[in-house]
Amino acid sequence: MRQSKAPEDSPNRLRARLIESERAIRSTFLDRRLSMESGSEKRTVGKQARNSRRTNARAEPQRRVAAPDRRIRPWVVAAVVGIVVVALAAAAIAVAATFGAGGSSSLPSGAQTFAEADHAHVSTSVSYDRVPPAGGAHSAVQLNCGIYAQAVPNENAVHSLEHGAVWITYQPALAADQVAALQQLVTSNYVGTEKYLILSPYAGLPSPIVASAWGAQLSVAGASDSRLADFIRHFAGGGQGGEQGAACTGGVGSPLG
């Protein structure tokens, strides 16, 4: 018998098979690609999550360390309070200096004050408008502060007044016990090493004792008058002469003490 041949595929059927094969290949390729991209995205997301956790883990100790910095520590408060207290104390000292070294804010009763604007240095004698003088033109050299048994030059003593000294003058005929009491009053009220107090006899005084500072005077009858001590505490070492803290030593004169 003659064997029958399998029918040969027509061109159309071959073309159709090729198209189906191509579609199958594309489908398989796309499925693999999508699967790979999905895996990559999952890996990327996982990596980002891990990195985020690591960053947060590293930042947490820093936040714990930095957190106390936002709190006001007690020592900071104490330091600020200390600075304020020091500033207030300095202001109080400055105010006290304006009124005198003794810290008294009021003049004793009977004290007179007046303007003395002339601070010129001269090399000749000066005719003052008060006895004793309490400011005005004066010598370029100050009188050394302390106790004198003899009269002292006006012009040098006035220079010391400009530096903040108080000049206690008494009539030459004042009783010895009164002079001794004045000496005790002066030495017990010296201000620092510069002293800022002068004691000397003075002829022609309007009262037994006259205390003078730059631009201020007080007349009393005796050494026991408490206003005399108040005047000293108010002005001695003060800034009424415009040169507070300037020397009351290193000038002329040889005080007894």
Foldseek 3Di string as FASTA:
>chain_A
DDDDDDDDDDPVVVVVVVVVVVVVVVVVVVVVVVVVVVVVVVVVVVVVVVVVVVVCVVCVVVCVVCVCVVPDDPVNVVVVVVVVVVVVVVVLCVVLLQQAQLSDPDAPPQKAFDDAPADAADDDADDAPDVLHFHHYAHPFAAQAAEDAADDGSRNPRVLLLQQAKEKEFANPDDPVQVVLVNVLQVVLQDPPSRRYYYYYGHPDPEGMWIHHRRMIHHDHTSPPVSVSVNCSRTRQHNPSPNRPDHSDPGDDDHPD
